[in-house]
Amino acid sequence: MRESLMDIICCPMDKHDLDLEIDEQDGDEIMEGRLVCTECGEVYPIEDGIPNLLPPDMRDEAAA
């Protein structure tokens, strides 16, 4: 994902801002990291450049 996406995404649970934590970056592309809600603290992973913004209960169901 590109950092510019931070201007348009928000926490799907409470619509608050997200903080970006980068683990791996390739040029302008963020490959691995986390998006953390500034209000509720929920963590959304970024894997292979794709942010997973599913709510936690739906994320668990999709992984099963």
Protein backbone atom coordinates (compact mmCIF):
# COMPACT_ATOMS: atom_id res chain seq x y z
CA MET A 1 0.00 0.00 0.00
CA ARG A 2 1.10 3.55 -0.49
CA GLU A 3 1.36 5.96 2.41
CA SER A 4 -0.91 8.41 0.54
CA LEU A 5 -3.77 5.95 1.21
CA MET A 6 -3.67 7.14 4.84
CA ASP A 7 -5.53 10.30 3.73
CA ILE A 8 -8.66 8.33 2.84
CA ILE A 9 -8.83 5.28 5.13
CA CYS A 10 -10.10 5.10 8.70
CA CYS A 11 -10.87 2.48 11.32
CA PRO A 12 -13.85 0.40 10.13
CA MET A 13 -14.99 -0.06 13.73
CA ASP A 14 -15.28 3.56 14.90
CA LYS A 15 -14.22 5.70 11.89
CA HIS A 16 -11.25 7.28 13.73
CA ASP A 17 -7.80 7.89 12.27
CA LEU A 18 -5.23 5.13 11.89
CA ASP A 19 -1.52 5.31 12.76
CA LEU A 20 0.87 3.60 10.37
CA GLU A 21 3.64 1.32 11.69
CA ILE A 22 6.02 0.17 8.94
CA ASP A 23 8.03 -3.07 9.18
CA GLU A 24 9.11 -3.37 5.53
CA GLN A 25 9.04 -0.86 2.71
CA ASP A 26 10.00 -1.19 -0.97
CA GLY A 27 10.42 2.29 -2.41
CA ASP A 28 7.04 4.05 -2.01
CA GLU A 29 5.22 0.77 -1.33
CA ILE A 30 4.64 -0.38 2.27
CA MET A 31 4.92 -4.18 2.12
CA GLU A 32 4.56 -5.20 5.80
CA GLY A 33 3.31 -3.35 8.86
CA ARG A 34 0.26 -2.41 10.86
CA LEU A 35 -2.48 0.18 10.97
CA VAL A 36 -3.48 1.03 14.54
CA CYS A 37 -6.66 2.91 15.44
CA THR A 38 -5.95 6.07 17.44
CA GLU A 39 -9.19 5.63 19.43
CA CYS A 40 -9.97 1.93 20.02
CA GLY A 41 -6.43 0.57 19.51
CA GLU A 42 -7.51 -2.16 17.09
CA VAL A 43 -4.63 -3.38 14.90
CA TYR A 44 -5.05 -4.08 11.17
CA PRO A 45 -2.18 -5.93 9.48
CA ILE A 46 -0.52 -4.97 6.20
CA GLU A 47 0.72 -8.12 4.44
CA ASP A 48 2.27 -8.25 0.96
CA GLY A 49 1.37 -4.58 0.49
CA ILE A 50 -2.35 -5.14 1.21
CA PRO A 51 -4.04 -3.66 4.31
CA ASN A 52 -6.58 -6.02 5.90
CA LEU A 53 -9.30 -3.69 7.19
CA LEU A 54 -11.79 -6.41 8.08
CA PRO A 55 -13.18 -6.11 11.62
CA PRO A 56 -11.47 -8.59 13.99
CA ASP A 57 -14.34 -11.10 14.11
CA MET A 58 -14.59 -11.22 10.31
CA ARG A 59 -10.80 -11.49 9.98
CA ASP A 60 -10.82 -14.58 12.24
CA GLU A 61 -13.61 -16.19 10.20
CA ALA A 62 -11.78 -15.51 6.90
CA ALA A 63 -8.61 -17.15 8.23
CA ALA A 64 -10.46 -20.34 9.23
